[in-house]
Amino acid sequence: MFLINCPYCGPREESEFHPAGEAHLKRPANPEKLSDIEWADYLFMRQNTKGILLERWVHRHGCRRWFNVARDTRTNKVLHVYQMGDSPPTQLKHIKP
């Protein structure tokens, strides 16, 4: 178990949160014009990064608010937490586990 620093409630155990996949995905402007293959690509294809991954999380047993997490998938270490709508920090590519 590890701690996540909720931007609204402060540090809490990981069991209070729920991950919801990759962050910063852009929904297609005209999904009705996409082929089935293009739509399936949008819905199911993700980076599955080995290393730093930007994810959406929700504090389901706390404030119930959504936020983004930069997490290293190799170590499970949370490197940065930031609010929805904020840009990811640019220094993340320089962080090493």
Protein backbone atom coordinates (compact mmCIF):
# COMPACT_ATOMS: atom_id res chain seq x y z
CA MET A 1 0.00 0.00 0.00
CA PHE A 2 1.18 3.53 -0.69
CA LEU A 3 0.05 7.08 0.06
CA ILE A 4 -1.55 9.44 -2.43
CA ASN A 5 -1.60 13.13 -1.62
CA CYS A 6 -5.17 14.10 -2.53
CA PRO A 7 -5.04 17.75 -3.70
CA TYR A 8 -8.20 18.40 -1.65
CA CYS A 9 -7.82 16.21 1.48
CA GLY A 10 -4.09 15.65 1.87
CA PRO A 11 -2.22 12.33 2.16
CA ARG A 12 -4.39 9.21 2.36
CA GLU A 13 -3.88 5.47 1.85
CA GLU A 14 -4.14 4.24 -1.72
CA SER A 15 -7.12 2.02 -0.78
CA GLU A 16 -9.32 5.17 -0.51
CA PHE A 17 -8.80 5.89 -4.21
CA HIS A 18 -9.69 4.31 -7.53
CA PRO A 19 -7.62 4.62 -10.71
CA ALA A 20 -9.56 5.40 -13.88
CA GLY A 21 -7.02 5.05 -16.65
CA GLU A 22 -4.82 7.31 -18.68
CA ALA A 23 -5.19 11.06 -18.25
CA HIS A 24 -5.40 13.76 -20.92
CA LEU A 25 -7.15 11.67 -23.56
CA LYS A 26 -8.82 13.87 -26.14
CA ARG A 27 -12.28 12.77 -27.23
CA PRO A 28 -12.74 12.77 -31.02
CA ALA A 29 -14.53 15.92 -32.26
CA ASN A 30 -16.99 13.99 -34.46
CA PRO A 31 -17.21 10.43 -33.13
CA GLU A 32 -20.14 9.63 -35.42
CA LYS A 33 -17.80 10.06 -38.41
CA LEU A 34 -15.27 7.53 -37.15
CA SER A 35 -15.07 4.02 -38.51
CA ASP A 36 -15.61 1.16 -36.08
CA ILE A 37 -11.86 0.54 -36.04
CA GLU A 38 -11.08 4.21 -35.29
CA TRP A 39 -13.70 4.28 -32.52
CA ALA A 40 -12.35 1.06 -31.01
CA ASP A 41 -8.86 2.57 -31.14
CA TYR A 42 -10.06 5.58 -29.14
CA LEU A 43 -11.92 3.45 -26.60
CA PHE A 44 -9.42 0.67 -25.99
CA MET A 45 -5.90 1.52 -27.13
CA ARG A 46 -3.73 3.05 -24.43
CA GLN A 47 0.00 3.68 -24.02
CA ASN A 48 0.56 1.09 -21.26
CA THR A 49 3.76 2.92 -20.42
CA LYS A 50 6.60 1.26 -18.56
CA GLY A 51 7.75 4.26 -16.61
CA ILE A 52 5.98 7.55 -15.91
CA LEU A 53 2.26 7.41 -16.69
CA LEU A 54 -0.28 10.20 -16.26
CA GLU A 55 -3.50 8.79 -14.81
CA ARG A 56 -6.91 9.96 -13.59
CA TRP A 57 -7.86 8.98 -10.04
CA VAL A 58 -10.92 9.55 -7.88
CA HIS A 59 -10.96 9.81 -4.08
CA ARG A 60 -13.90 7.43 -3.77
CA HIS A 61 -13.79 7.05 0.03
CA GLY A 62 -13.12 10.68 0.75
CA CYS A 63 -14.02 13.90 -1.05
CA ARG A 64 -15.10 11.99 -4.23
CA ARG A 65 -13.22 14.45 -6.39
CA TRP A 66 -11.18 13.63 -9.49
CA PHE A 67 -7.53 14.55 -10.00
CA ASN A 68 -4.49 13.46 -12.01
CA VAL A 69 -1.49 11.48 -10.83
CA ALA A 70 1.94 11.03 -12.39
CA ARG A 71 3.00 7.54 -11.32
CA ASP A 72 6.00 5.43 -12.21
CA THR A 73 4.55 2.08 -13.25
CA ARG A 74 7.86 0.31 -12.57
CA THR A 75 7.95 1.23 -8.87
CA ASN A 76 4.33 2.31 -8.23
CA LYS A 77 5.76 5.56 -6.83
CA VAL A 78 3.49 8.61 -7.09
CA LEU A 79 5.67 11.41 -8.45
CA HIS A 80 3.18 14.23 -8.68
CA VAL A 81 -0.51 14.95 -8.06
CA TYR A 82 -2.37 17.77 -9.80
CA GLN A 83 -5.95 18.92 -10.25
CA MET A 84 -8.14 18.15 -13.24
CA GLY A 85 -7.74 20.82 -15.89
CA ASP A 86 -4.15 21.59 -14.88
CA SER A 87 -1.32 20.72 -17.25
CA PRO A 88 1.10 18.00 -16.21
CA PRO A 89 4.36 19.37 -14.85
CA THR A 90 7.09 19.61 -17.47
CA GLN A 91 9.84 18.39 -15.14
CA LEU A 92 8.40 14.84 -15.04
CA LYS A 93 10.58 13.58 -17.89
CA HIS A 94 13.61 14.39 -15.74
CA ILE A 95 12.44 12.42 -12.69
CA LYS A 96 14.12 9.06 -12.21
CA PRO A 97 12.82 6.34 -9.88
